[in-house]
Amino acid sequence: MAETAESRTQQTDDSKHAARAERRAAKLAKQIGSFAKEHGGAEGQLAHLGQMGTRIVLVGEDGGWGDLVAPSYALAESAVRKAGITVHEDFDGDFAAKVRTGPYEWSRMAGIQVGGPSND
């Protein structure tokens, strides 16, 4: 069966999409690696954000934390696999206990509560 121009175009589009996803995963993995290096290592957890993508929550060995957003769960999984970090199913227990917050976070969280201080 002869290959059509349409099928060749689809194959080209698919390979471009795959290459773009690979570059995005590599960029995220590099950012995760930088975070891990800065914080003495890191662990993570993937959280679905619906159509927005997937949040990669990172917690450093020193208690520092941060997050990145990937456009899909598959891309987030690829990024953490490339970065070589431990990924937890849930953000609870010993993993959550590693997070260290500072005055900014406490002030910010209190300001959200009714009657709490504002951050204006």
PDB file of N, CA and C in Angstrom:
ATOM      1  N   MET A   1       0.834  -1.167   0.000  1.00  0.00           N
ATOM      2  CA  MET A   1       0.000   0.000   0.000  1.00  0.00           C
ATOM      3  C   MET A   1       0.886   1.240   0.000  1.00  0.00           C
ATOM      4  N   ALA A   2       0.605   2.168  -0.836  1.00  0.00           N
ATOM      5  CA  ALA A   2       1.419   3.360  -0.991  1.00  0.00           C
ATOM      6  C   ALA A   2       1.147   4.353   0.135  1.00  0.00           C
ATOM      7  N   GLU A   3       2.224   4.990   0.559  1.00  0.00           N
ATOM      8  CA  GLU A   3       2.104   5.998   1.598  1.00  0.00           C
ATOM      9  C   GLU A   3       1.559   7.274   0.969  1.00  0.00           C
ATOM     10  N   THR A   4       0.592   7.890   1.614  1.00  0.00           N
ATOM     11  CA  THR A   4       0.005   9.120   1.081  1.00  0.00           C
ATOM     12  C   THR A   4       0.711  10.329   1.661  1.00  0.00           C
ATOM     13  N   ALA A   5       0.522  11.455   1.000  1.00  0.00           N
ATOM     14  CA  ALA A   5       1.103  12.705   1.483  1.00  0.00           C
ATOM     15  C   ALA A   5       0.547  13.045   2.859  1.00  0.00           C
ATOM     16  N   GLU A   6      -0.730  12.725   3.072  1.00  0.00           N
ATOM     17  CA  GLU A   6      -1.366  13.008   4.354  1.00  0.00           C
ATOM     18  C   GLU A   6      -0.726  12.191   5.482  1.00  0.00           C
ATOM     19  N   SER A   7      -0.449  10.922   5.226  1.00  0.00           N
ATOM     20  CA  SER A   7       0.161  10.094   6.267  1.00  0.00           C
ATOM     21  C   SER A   7       1.600  10.533   6.542  1.00  0.00           C
ATOM     22  N   ARG A   8       2.321  10.972   5.501  1.00  0.00           N
ATOM     23  CA  ARG A   8       3.683  11.487   5.708  1.00  0.00           C
ATOM     24  C   ARG A   8       3.641  12.761   6.545  1.00  0.00           C
ATOM     25  N   THR A   9       2.663  13.633   6.274  1.00  0.00           N
ATOM     26  CA  THR A   9       2.512  14.867   7.038  1.00  0.00           C
ATOM     27  C   THR A   9       2.200  14.549   8.496  1.00  0.00           C
ATOM     28  N   GLN A  10       1.330  13.567   8.727  1.00  0.00           N
ATOM     29  CA  GLN A  10       0.978  13.163  10.093  1.00  0.00           C
ATOM     30  C   GLN A  10       2.194  12.620  10.825  1.00  0.00           C
ATOM     31  N   GLN A  11       3.008  11.812  10.125  1.00  0.00           N
ATOM     32  CA  GLN A  11       4.214  11.259  10.743  1.00  0.00           C
ATOM     33  C   GLN A  11       5.196  12.373  11.099  1.00  0.00           C
ATOM     34  N   THR A  12       5.327  13.351  10.222  1.00  0.00           N
ATOM     35  CA  THR A  12       6.203  14.486  10.483  1.00  0.00           C
ATOM     36  C   THR A  12       5.710  15.278  11.687  1.00  0.00           C
ATOM     37  N   ASP A  13       4.392  15.532  11.727  1.00  0.00           N
ATOM     38  CA  ASP A  13       3.816  16.255  12.865  1.00  0.00           C
ATOM     39  C   ASP A  13       4.021  15.487  14.164  1.00  0.00           C
ATOM     40  N   ASP A  14       3.824  14.167  14.128  1.00  0.00           N
ATOM     41  CA  ASP A  14       4.008  13.334  15.315  1.00  0.00           C
ATOM     42  C   ASP A  14       5.456  13.377  15.797  1.00  0.00           C
ATOM     43  N   SER A  15       6.403  13.298  14.867  1.00  0.00           N
ATOM     44  CA  SER A  15       7.809  13.309  15.270  1.00  0.00           C
ATOM     45  C   SER A  15       8.211  14.682  15.807  1.00  0.00           C
ATOM     46  N   LYS A  16       7.655  15.754  15.258  1.00  0.00           N
ATOM     47  CA  LYS A  16       7.930  17.101  15.769  1.00  0.00           C
ATOM     48  C   LYS A  16       7.367  17.253  17.179  1.00  0.00           C
ATOM     49  N   HIS A  17       6.156  16.726  17.379  1.00  0.00           N
ATOM     50  CA  HIS A  17       5.520  16.795  18.703  1.00  0.00           C
ATOM     51  C   HIS A  17       6.345  16.007  19.728  1.00  0.00           C
ATOM     52  N   ALA A  18       6.795  14.829  19.339  1.00  0.00           N
ATOM     53  CA  ALA A  18       7.597  13.996  20.244  1.00  0.00           C
ATOM     54  C   ALA A  18       8.921  14.686  20.579  1.00  0.00           C
ATOM     55  N   ALA A  19       9.552  15.297  19.598  1.00  0.00           N
ATOM     56  CA  ALA A  19      10.820  15.994  19.825  1.00  0.00           C
ATOM     57  C   ALA A  19      10.612  17.194  20.744  1.00  0.00           C
ATOM     58  N   ARG A  20       9.513  17.899  20.556  1.00  0.00           N
ATOM     59  CA  ARG A  20       9.212  19.058  21.410  1.00  0.00           C
ATOM     60  C   ARG A  20       8.967  18.605  22.852  1.00  0.00           C
ATOM     61  N   ALA A  21       8.218  17.529  23.021  1.00  0.00           N
ATOM     62  CA  ALA A  21       7.952  16.994  24.361  1.00  0.00           C
ATOM     63  C   ALA A  21       9.257  16.553  25.030  1.00  0.00           C
ATOM     64  N   GLU A  22      10.137  15.939  24.268  1.00  0.00           N
ATOM     65  CA  GLU A  22      11.427  15.499  24.800  1.00  0.00           C
ATOM     66  C   GLU A  22      12.255  16.696  25.268  1.00  0.00           C
ATOM     67  N   ARG A  23      12.252  17.782  24.509  1.00  0.00           N
ATOM     68  CA  ARG A  23      12.989  18.998  24.900  1.00  0.00           C
ATOM     69  C   ARG A  23      12.389  19.611  26.170  1.00  0.00           C
ATOM     70  N   ARG A  24      11.060  19.635  26.250  1.00  0.00           N
ATOM     71  CA  ARG A  24      10.407  20.182  27.439  1.00  0.00           C
ATOM     72  C   ARG A  24      10.734  19.341  28.666  1.00  0.00           C
ATOM     73  N   ALA A  25      10.701  18.025  28.523  1.00  0.00           N
ATOM     74  CA  ALA A  25      11.027  17.136  29.649  1.00  0.00           C
ATOM     75  C   ALA A  25      12.476  17.344  30.076  1.00  0.00           C
ATOM     76  N   ALA A  26      13.377  17.493  29.126  1.00  0.00           N
ATOM     77  CA  ALA A  26      14.789  17.707  29.438  1.00  0.00           C
ATOM     78  C   ALA A  26      14.986  19.040  30.167  1.00  0.00           C
ATOM     79  N   LYS A  27      14.264  20.072  29.747  1.00  0.00           N
ATOM     80  CA  LYS A  27      14.372  21.380  30.397  1.00  0.00           C
ATOM     81  C   LYS A  27      13.858  21.300  31.838  1.00  0.00           C
ATOM     82  N   LEU A  28      12.708  20.642  32.030  1.00  0.00           N
ATOM     83  CA  LEU A  28      12.175  20.470  33.386  1.00  0.00           C
ATOM     84  C   LEU A  28      13.140  19.654  34.242  1.00  0.00           C
ATOM     85  N   ALA A  29      13.710  18.590  33.681  1.00  0.00           N
ATOM     86  CA  ALA A  29      14.659  17.750  34.421  1.00  0.00           C
ATOM     87  C   ALA A  29      15.875  18.567  34.846  1.00  0.00           C
ATOM     88  N   LYS A  30      16.318  19.453  33.990  1.00  0.00           N
ATOM     89  CA  LYS A  30      17.460  20.318  34.320  1.00  0.00           C
ATOM     90  C   LYS A  30      17.098  21.252  35.477  1.00  0.00           C
ATOM     91  N   GLN A  31      15.880  21.802  35.455  1.00  0.00           N
ATOM     92  CA  GLN A  31      15.436  22.674  36.539  1.00  0.00           C
ATOM     93  C   GLN A  31      15.312  21.889  37.850  1.00  0.00           C
ATOM     94  N   ILE A  32      14.791  20.670  37.772  1.00  0.00           N
ATOM     95  CA  ILE A  32      14.679  19.818  38.955  1.00  0.00           C
ATOM     96  C   ILE A  32      16.072  19.513  39.502  1.00  0.00           C
ATOM     97  N   GLY A  33      16.992  19.198  38.603  1.00  0.00           N
ATOM     98  CA  GLY A  33      18.371  18.914  39.011  1.00  0.00           C
ATOM     99  C   GLY A  33      19.025  20.108  39.685  1.00  0.00           C
ATOM    100  N   SER A  34      18.775  21.299  39.166  1.00  0.00           N
ATOM    101  CA  SER A  34      19.324  22.518  39.777  1.00  0.00           C
ATOM    102  C   SER A  34      18.764  22.726  41.170  1.00  0.00           C
ATOM    103  N   PHE A  35      17.456  22.501  41.312  1.00  0.00           N
ATOM    104  CA  PHE A  35      16.827  22.617  42.633  1.00  0.00           C
ATOM    105  C   PHE A  35      17.453  21.616  43.595  1.00  0.00           C
ATOM    106  N   ALA A  36      17.584  20.378  43.155  1.00  0.00           N
ATOM    107  CA  ALA A  36      18.152  19.327  44.002  1.00  0.00           C
ATOM    108  C   ALA A  36      19.583  19.676  44.422  1.00  0.00           C
ATOM    109  N   LYS A  37      20.360  20.192  43.502  1.00  0.00           N
ATOM    110  CA  LYS A  37      21.742  20.560  43.814  1.00  0.00           C
ATOM    111  C   LYS A  37      21.792  21.686  44.844  1.00  0.00           C
ATOM    112  N   GLU A  38      20.906  22.651  44.700  1.00  0.00           N
ATOM    113  CA  GLU A  38      20.870  23.796  45.599  1.00  0.00           C
ATOM    114  C   GLU A  38      20.393  23.410  47.007  1.00  0.00           C
ATOM    115  N   HIS A  39      19.588  22.351  47.104  1.00  0.00           N
ATOM    116  CA  HIS A  39      18.973  21.985  48.381  1.00  0.00           C
ATOM    117  C   HIS A  39      19.463  20.648  48.937  1.00  0.00           C
ATOM    118  N   GLY A  40      20.605  20.188  48.462  1.00  0.00           N
ATOM    119  CA  GLY A  40      21.192  18.961  49.009  1.00  0.00           C
ATOM    120  C   GLY A  40      20.446  17.694  48.637  1.00  0.00           C
ATOM    121  N   GLY A  41      19.752  17.719  47.536  1.00  0.00           N
ATOM    122  CA  GLY A  41      18.936  16.598  47.094  1.00  0.00           C
ATOM    123  C   GLY A  41      17.475  17.006  47.082  1.00  0.00           C
ATOM    124  N   ALA A  42      16.640  16.194  46.464  1.00  0.00           N
ATOM    125  CA  ALA A  42      15.220  16.535  46.397  1.00  0.00           C
ATOM    126  C   ALA A  42      14.378  15.292  46.196  1.00  0.00           C
ATOM    127  N   GLU A  43      13.141  15.400  46.620  1.00  0.00           N
ATOM    128  CA  GLU A  43      12.112  14.401  46.373  1.00  0.00           C
ATOM    129  C   GLU A  43      10.935  15.160  45.786  1.00  0.00           C
ATOM    130  N   GLY A  44      10.015  14.439  45.168  1.00  0.00           N
ATOM    131  CA  GLY A  44       8.897  15.123  44.553  1.00  0.00           C
ATOM    132  C   GLY A  44       7.596  14.366  44.640  1.00  0.00           C
ATOM    133  N   GLN A  45       6.547  15.049  44.175  1.00  0.00           N
ATOM    134  CA  GLN A  45       5.222  14.469  44.082  1.00  0.00           C
ATOM    135  C   GLN A  45       4.535  15.136  42.903  1.00  0.00           C
ATOM    136  N   LEU A  46       3.813  14.343  42.117  1.00  0.00           N
ATOM    137  CA  LEU A  46       3.103  14.869  40.960  1.00  0.00           C
ATOM    138  C   LEU A  46       1.636  15.062  41.312  1.00  0.00           C
ATOM    139  N   ALA A  47       1.113  16.244  41.015  1.00  0.00           N
ATOM    140  CA  ALA A  47      -0.276  16.569  41.334  1.00  0.00           C
ATOM    141  C   ALA A  47      -0.989  17.046  40.077  1.00  0.00           C
ATOM    142  N   HIS A  48      -2.068  16.375  39.721  1.00  0.00           N
ATOM    143  CA  HIS A  48      -2.863  16.770  38.548  1.00  0.00           C
ATOM    144  C   HIS A  48      -3.468  18.154  38.766  1.00  0.00           C
ATOM    145  N   LEU A  49      -3.417  18.969  37.741  1.00  0.00           N
ATOM    146  CA  LEU A  49      -4.048  20.287  37.774  1.00  0.00           C
ATOM    147  C   LEU A  49      -5.206  20.361  36.779  1.00  0.00           C
ATOM    148  N   GLY A  50      -5.659  19.229  36.308  1.00  0.00           N
ATOM    149  CA  GLY A  50      -6.708  19.214  35.291  1.00  0.00           C
ATOM    150  C   GLY A  50      -6.133  19.575  33.939  1.00  0.00           C
ATOM    151  N   GLN A  51      -6.855  20.380  33.187  1.00  0.00           N
ATOM    152  CA  GLN A  51      -6.410  20.744  31.839  1.00  0.00           C
ATOM    153  C   GLN A  51      -5.149  21.596  31.844  1.00  0.00           C
ATOM    154  N   MET A  52      -4.854  22.223  32.976  1.00  0.00           N
ATOM    155  CA  MET A  52      -3.659  23.068  33.064  1.00  0.00           C
ATOM    156  C   MET A  52      -2.378  22.265  33.027  1.00  0.00           C
ATOM    157  N   GLY A  53      -2.432  20.986  33.386  1.00  0.00           N
ATOM    158  CA  GLY A  53      -1.231  20.166  33.373  1.00  0.00           C
ATOM    159  C   GLY A  53      -1.013  19.451  34.690  1.00  0.00           C
ATOM    160  N   THR A  54       0.242  19.310  35.057  1.00  0.00           N
ATOM    161  CA  THR A  54       0.628  18.597  36.276  1.00  0.00           C
ATOM    162  C   THR A  54       1.676  19.397  37.019  1.00  0.00           C
ATOM    163  N   ARG A  55       1.449  19.568  38.316  1.00  0.00           N
ATOM    164  CA  ARG A  55       2.409  20.272  39.163  1.00  0.00           C
ATOM    165  C   ARG A  55       3.425  19.261  39.684  1.00  0.00           C
ATOM    166  N   ILE A  56       4.682  19.616  39.585  1.00  0.00           N
ATOM    167  CA  ILE A  56       5.776  18.830  40.150  1.00  0.00           C
ATOM    168  C   ILE A  56       6.188  19.559  41.426  1.00  0.00           C
ATOM    169  N   VAL A  57       5.785  19.012  42.573  1.00  0.00           N
ATOM    170  CA  VAL A  57       6.125  19.611  43.866  1.00  0.00           C
ATOM    171  C   VAL A  57       7.471  19.039  44.291  1.00  0.00           C
ATOM    172  N   LEU A  58       8.409  19.909  44.626  1.00  0.00           N
ATOM    173  CA  LEU A  58       9.756  19.500  45.013  1.00  0.00           C
ATOM    174  C   LEU A  58      10.038  19.894  46.452  1.00  0.00           C
ATOM    175  N   VAL A  59      10.634  18.981  47.202  1.00  0.00           N
ATOM    176  CA  VAL A  59      11.047  19.264  48.575  1.00  0.00           C
ATOM    177  C   VAL A  59      12.516  18.870  48.683  1.00  0.00           C
ATOM    178  N   GLY A  60      13.337  19.848  49.057  1.00  0.00           N
ATOM    179  CA  GLY A  60      14.761  19.607  49.201  1.00  0.00           C
ATOM    180  C   GLY A  60      15.087  18.946  50.523  1.00  0.00           C
ATOM    181  N   GLU A  61      16.264  18.369  50.609  1.00  0.00           N
ATOM    182  CA  GLU A  61      16.719  17.739  51.845  1.00  0.00           C
ATOM    183  C   GLU A  61      16.848  18.749  52.979  1.00  0.00           C
ATOM    184  N   ASP A  62      17.019  20.024  52.632  1.00  0.00           N
ATOM    185  CA  ASP A  62      17.133  21.071  53.651  1.00  0.00           C
ATOM    186  C   ASP A  62      15.771  21.653  54.037  1.00  0.00           C
ATOM    187  N   GLY A  63      14.687  21.115  53.475  1.00  0.00           N
ATOM    188  CA  GLY A  63      13.347  21.595  53.788  1.00  0.00           C
ATOM    189  C   GLY A  63      12.831  22.648  52.837  1.00  0.00           C
ATOM    190  N   GLY A  64      13.712  23.158  51.969  1.00  0.00           N
ATOM    191  CA  GLY A  64      13.266  24.118  50.964  1.00  0.00           C
ATOM    192  C   GLY A  64      12.308  23.444  49.992  1.00  0.00           C
ATOM    193  N   TRP A  65      11.393  24.212  49.449  1.00  0.00           N
ATOM    194  CA  TRP A  65      10.423  23.606  48.545  1.00  0.00           C
ATOM    195  C   TRP A  65      10.118  24.545  47.390  1.00  0.00           C
ATOM    196  N   GLY A  66       9.548  23.977  46.363  1.00  0.00           N
ATOM    197  CA  GLY A  66       9.158  24.735  45.188  1.00  0.00           C
ATOM    198  C   GLY A  66       8.346  23.841  44.274  1.00  0.00           C
ATOM    199  N   ASP A  67       7.929  24.397  43.168  1.00  0.00           N
ATOM    200  CA  ASP A  67       7.180  23.580  42.224  1.00  0.00           C
ATOM    201  C   ASP A  67       7.394  24.059  40.805  1.00  0.00           C
ATOM    202  N   LEU A  68       7.094  23.177  39.897  1.00  0.00           N
ATOM    203  CA  LEU A  68       7.134  23.439  38.463  1.00  0.00           C
ATOM    204  C   LEU A  68       5.833  22.902  37.885  1.00  0.00           C
ATOM    205  N   VAL A  69       5.433  23.403  36.736  1.00  0.00           N
ATOM    206  CA  VAL A  69       4.225  22.884  36.092  1.00  0.00           C
ATOM    207  C   VAL A  69       4.592  22.350  34.714  1.00  0.00           C
ATOM    208  N   ALA A  70       4.180  21.110  34.469  1.00  0.00           N
ATOM    209  CA  ALA A  70       4.360  20.471  33.167  1.00  0.00           C
ATOM    210  C   ALA A  70       3.005  20.455  32.464  1.00  0.00           C
ATOM    211  N   PRO A  71       2.990  20.535  31.146  1.00  0.00           N
ATOM    212  CA  PRO A  71       1.715  20.562  30.431  1.00  0.00           C
ATOM    213  C   PRO A  71       0.929  19.247  30.465  1.00  0.00           C
ATOM    214  N   SER A  72       1.566  18.159  30.877  1.00  0.00           N
ATOM    215  CA  SER A  72       0.859  16.878  30.952  1.00  0.00           C
ATOM    216  C   SER A  72       1.506  16.002  32.027  1.00  0.00           C
ATOM    217  N   TYR A  73       0.745  15.008  32.469  1.00  0.00           N
ATOM    218  CA  TYR A  73       1.252  14.081  33.470  1.00  0.00           C
ATOM    219  C   TYR A  73       2.410  13.265  32.893  1.00  0.00           C
ATOM    220  N   ALA A  74       2.265  12.825  31.652  1.00  0.00           N
ATOM    221  CA  ALA A  74       3.317  12.025  31.008  1.00  0.00           C
ATOM    222  C   ALA A  74       4.625  12.808  30.926  1.00  0.00           C
ATOM    223  N   LEU A  75       4.535  14.082  30.618  1.00  0.00           N
ATOM    224  CA  LEU A  75       5.741  14.907  30.519  1.00  0.00           C
ATOM    225  C   LEU A  75       6.363  15.106  31.904  1.00  0.00           C
ATOM    226  N   ALA A  76       5.529  15.292  32.924  1.00  0.00           N
ATOM    227  CA  ALA A  76       6.036  15.430  34.291  1.00  0.00           C
ATOM    228  C   ALA A  76       6.741  14.146  34.730  1.00  0.00           C
ATOM    229  N   GLU A  77       6.136  12.991  34.433  1.00  0.00           N
ATOM    230  CA  GLU A  77       6.759  11.708  34.769  1.00  0.00           C
ATOM    231  C   GLU A  77       8.107  11.560  34.077  1.00  0.00           C
ATOM    232  N   SER A  78       8.160  11.938  32.826  1.00  0.00           N
ATOM    233  CA  SER A  78       9.414  11.843  32.078  1.00  0.00           C
ATOM    234  C   SER A  78      10.479  12.743  32.695  1.00  0.00           C
ATOM    235  N   ALA A  79      10.096  13.941  33.096  1.00  0.00           N
ATOM    236  CA  ALA A  79      11.050  14.897  33.668  1.00  0.00           C
ATOM    237  C   ALA A  79      11.622  14.391  34.992  1.00  0.00           C
ATOM    238  N   VAL A  80      10.770  13.883  35.883  1.00  0.00           N
ATOM    239  CA  VAL A  80      11.286  13.414  37.176  1.00  0.00           C
ATOM    240  C   VAL A  80      12.120  12.153  37.000  1.00  0.00           C
ATOM    241  N   ARG A  81      11.767  11.338  36.027  1.00  0.00           N
ATOM    242  CA  ARG A  81      12.562  10.131  35.744  1.00  0.00           C
ATOM    243  C   ARG A  81      13.946  10.538  35.249  1.00  0.00           C
ATOM    244  N   LYS A  82      13.998  11.517  34.341  1.00  0.00           N
ATOM    245  CA  LYS A  82      15.287  12.001  33.825  1.00  0.00           C
ATOM    246  C   LYS A  82      16.127  12.637  34.938  1.00  0.00           C
ATOM    247  N   ALA A  83      15.459  13.336  35.856  1.00  0.00           N
ATOM    248  CA  ALA A  83      16.170  14.005  36.949  1.00  0.00           C
ATOM    249  C   ALA A  83      16.651  13.004  38.004  1.00  0.00           C
ATOM    250  N   GLY A  84      16.017  11.841  38.059  1.00  0.00           N
ATOM    251  CA  GLY A  84      16.444  10.803  38.981  1.00  0.00           C
ATOM    252  C   GLY A  84      16.043  11.024  40.434  1.00  0.00           C
ATOM    253  N   ILE A  85      14.964  11.757  40.661  1.00  0.00           N
ATOM    254  CA  ILE A  85      14.537  11.983  42.046  1.00  0.00           C
ATOM    255  C   ILE A  85      13.494  10.942  42.464  1.00  0.00           C
ATOM    256  N   THR A  86      13.350  10.771  43.769  1.00  0.00           N
ATOM    257  CA  THR A  86      12.310   9.906  44.324  1.00  0.00           C
ATOM    258  C   THR A  86      10.982  10.635  44.205  1.00  0.00           C
ATOM    259  N   VAL A  87       9.963   9.928  43.732  1.00  0.00           N
ATOM    260  CA  VAL A  87       8.632  10.519  43.586  1.00  0.00           C
ATOM    261  C   VAL A  87       7.665   9.792  44.510  1.00  0.00           C
ATOM    262  N   HIS A  88       6.943  10.557  45.309  1.00  0.00           N
ATOM    263  CA  HIS A  88       5.969  10.016  46.251  1.00  0.00           C
ATOM    264  C   HIS A  88       4.578  10.031  45.623  1.00  0.00           C
ATOM    265  N   GLU A  89       3.759   9.053  46.011  1.00  0.00           N
ATOM    266  CA  GLU A  89       2.375   8.988  45.531  1.00  0.00           C
ATOM    267  C   GLU A  89       1.538  10.108  46.130  1.00  0.00           C
ATOM    268  N   ASP A  90       1.758  10.399  47.416  1.00  0.00           N
ATOM    269  CA  ASP A  90       0.974  11.395  48.132  1.00  0.00           C
ATOM    270  C   ASP A  90       1.894  12.382  48.823  1.00  0.00           C
ATOM    271  N   PHE A  91       1.328  13.534  49.124  1.00  0.00           N
ATOM    272  CA  PHE A  91       2.078  14.561  49.855  1.00  0.00           C
ATOM    273  C   PHE A  91       1.626  14.517  51.312  1.00  0.00           C
ATOM    274  N   ASP A  92       2.079  13.506  52.036  1.00  0.00           N
ATOM    275  CA  ASP A  92       1.688  13.357  53.429  1.00  0.00           C
ATOM    276  C   ASP A  92       2.798  12.666  54.206  1.00  0.00           C
ATOM    277  N   GLY A  93       2.574  12.532  55.508  1.00  0.00           N
ATOM    278  CA  GLY A  93       3.511  11.796  56.349  1.00  0.00           C
ATOM    279  C   GLY A  93       4.892  12.398  56.412  1.00  0.00           C
ATOM    280  N   ASP A  94       5.894  11.518  56.350  1.00  0.00           N
ATOM    281  CA  ASP A  94       7.294  11.927  56.477  1.00  0.00           C
ATOM    282  C   ASP A  94       7.703  12.905  55.377  1.00  0.00           C
ATOM    283  N   PHE A  95       7.137  12.717  54.187  1.00  0.00           N
ATOM    284  CA  PHE A  95       7.491  13.600  53.071  1.00  0.00           C
ATOM    285  C   PHE A  95       7.028  15.032  53.359  1.00  0.00           C
ATOM    286  N   ALA A  96       5.795  15.206  53.756  1.00  0.00           N
ATOM    287  CA  ALA A  96       5.266  16.544  54.053  1.00  0.00           C
ATOM    288  C   ALA A  96       5.985  17.162  55.240  1.00  0.00           C
ATOM    289  N   ALA A  97       6.404  16.342  56.190  1.00  0.00           N
ATOM    290  CA  ALA A  97       7.079  16.847  57.390  1.00  0.00           C
ATOM    291  C   ALA A  97       8.448  17.451  57.065  1.00  0.00           C
ATOM    292  N   LYS A  98       9.000  17.145  55.902  1.00  0.00           N
ATOM    293  CA  LYS A  98      10.306  17.698  55.516  1.00  0.00           C
ATOM    294  C   LYS A  98      10.235  19.167  55.125  1.00  0.00           C
ATOM    295  N   VAL A  99       9.055  19.651  54.759  1.00  0.00           N
ATOM    296  CA  VAL A  99       8.891  21.029  54.290  1.00  0.00           C
ATOM    297  C   VAL A  99       9.104  22.002  55.439  1.00  0.00           C
ATOM    298  N   ARG A 100       9.933  23.006  55.199  1.00  0.00           N
ATOM    299  CA  ARG A 100      10.180  24.054  56.173  1.00  0.00           C
ATOM    300  C   ARG A 100       9.644  25.359  55.596  1.00  0.00           C
ATOM    301  N   THR A 101       8.767  25.998  56.345  1.00  0.00           N
ATOM    302  CA  THR A 101       8.226  27.277  55.900  1.00  0.00           C
ATOM    303  C   THR A 101       8.842  28.391  56.726  1.00  0.00           C
ATOM    304  N   GLY A 102       8.824  29.563  56.151  1.00  0.00           N
ATOM    305  CA  GLY A 102       9.388  30.726  56.822  1.00  0.00           C
ATOM    306  C   GLY A 102       8.322  31.747  57.168  1.00  0.00           C
ATOM    307  N   PRO A 103       8.748  32.900  57.664  1.00  0.00           N
ATOM    308  CA  PRO A 103       7.808  33.954  58.061  1.00  0.00           C
ATOM    309  C   PRO A 103       6.893  34.397  56.915  1.00  0.00           C
ATOM    310  N   TYR A 104       7.434  34.446  55.705  1.00  0.00           N
ATOM    311  CA  TYR A 104       6.611  34.883  54.576  1.00  0.00           C
ATOM    312  C   TYR A 104       5.412  33.963  54.390  1.00  0.00           C
ATOM    313  N   GLU A 105       5.649  32.652  54.385  1.00  0.00           N
ATOM    314  CA  GLU A 105       4.556  31.707  54.173  1.00  0.00           C
ATOM    315  C   GLU A 105       3.522  31.792  55.289  1.00  0.00           C
ATOM    316  N   TRP A 106       4.002  31.874  56.549  1.00  0.00           N
ATOM    317  CA  TRP A 106       3.070  31.954  57.665  1.00  0.00           C
ATOM    318  C   TRP A 106       2.255  33.237  57.609  1.00  0.00           C
ATOM    319  N   SER A 107       2.894  34.326  57.274  1.00  0.00           N
ATOM    320  CA  SER A 107       2.191  35.597  57.159  1.00  0.00           C
ATOM    321  C   SER A 107       1.176  35.545  56.025  1.00  0.00           C
ATOM    322  N   ARG A 108       1.595  34.966  54.931  1.00  0.00           N
ATOM    323  CA  ARG A 108       0.726  34.873  53.758  1.00  0.00           C
ATOM    324  C   ARG A 108      -0.475  33.982  54.044  1.00  0.00           C
ATOM    325  N   MET A 109      -0.252  32.841  54.670  1.00  0.00           N
ATOM    326  CA  MET A 109      -1.359  31.933  54.987  1.00  0.00           C
ATOM    327  C   MET A 109      -2.300  32.585  55.991  1.00  0.00           C
ATOM    328  N   ALA A 110      -1.760  33.296  56.980  1.00  0.00           N
ATOM    329  CA  ALA A 110      -2.603  33.947  57.981  1.00  0.00           C
ATOM    330  C   ALA A 110      -3.414  35.071  57.352  1.00  0.00           C
ATOM    331  N   GLY A 111      -2.850  35.747  56.374  1.00  0.00           N
ATOM    332  CA  GLY A 111      -3.546  36.844  55.711  1.00  0.00           C
ATOM    333  C   GLY A 111      -4.732  36.388  54.885  1.00  0.00           C
ATOM    334  N   ILE A 112      -4.741  35.126  54.516  1.00  0.00           N
ATOM    335  CA  ILE A 112      -5.846  34.585  53.729  1.00  0.00           C
ATOM    336  C   ILE A 112      -7.053  34.317  54.644  1.00  0.00           C
ATOM    337  N   GLN A 113      -6.791  34.054  55.911  1.00  0.00           N
ATOM    338  CA  GLN A 113      -7.853  33.716  56.852  1.00  0.00           C
ATOM    339  C   GLN A 113      -8.637  34.977  57.232  1.00  0.00           C
ATOM    340  N   VAL A 114      -9.911  34.801  57.509  1.00  0.00           N
ATOM    341  CA  VAL A 114     -10.745  35.895  57.948  1.00  0.00           C
ATOM    342  C   VAL A 114     -10.174  36.453  59.255  1.00  0.00           C
ATOM    343  N   GLY A 115      -9.931  37.735  59.269  1.00  0.00           N
ATOM    344  CA  GLY A 115      -9.409  38.368  60.470  1.00  0.00           C
ATOM    345  C   GLY A 115      -7.898  38.297  60.607  1.00  0.00           C
ATOM    346  N   GLY A 116      -7.234  37.608  59.686  1.00  0.00           N
ATOM    347  CA  GLY A 116      -5.783  37.509  59.731  1.00  0.00           C
ATOM    348  C   GLY A 116      -5.132  38.773  59.233  1.00  0.00           C
ATOM    349  N   PRO A 117      -3.834  38.939  59.477  1.00  0.00           N
ATOM    350  CA  PRO A 117      -3.141  40.136  59.006  1.00  0.00           C
ATOM    351  C   PRO A 117      -3.099  40.174  57.480  1.00  0.00           C
ATOM    352  N   SER A 118      -3.140  41.365  56.953  1.00  0.00           N
ATOM    353  CA  SER A 118      -3.082  41.484  55.493  1.00  0.00           C
ATOM    354  C   SER A 118      -1.636  41.656  55.066  1.00  0.00           C
ATOM    355  N   ASN A 119      -1.360  41.379  53.822  1.00  0.00           N
ATOM    356  CA  ASN A 119      -0.017  41.538  53.263  1.00  0.00           C
ATOM    357  C   ASN A 119       0.018  42.706  52.288  1.00  0.00           C
ATOM    358  N   ASP A 120      -0.811  43.712  52.525  1.00  0.00           N
ATOM    359  CA  ASP A 120      -0.865  44.858  51.620  1.00  0.00           C
ATOM    360  C   ASP A 120       0.322  45.740  51.743  1.00  0.00           C
TER     361      ASP A 120
END
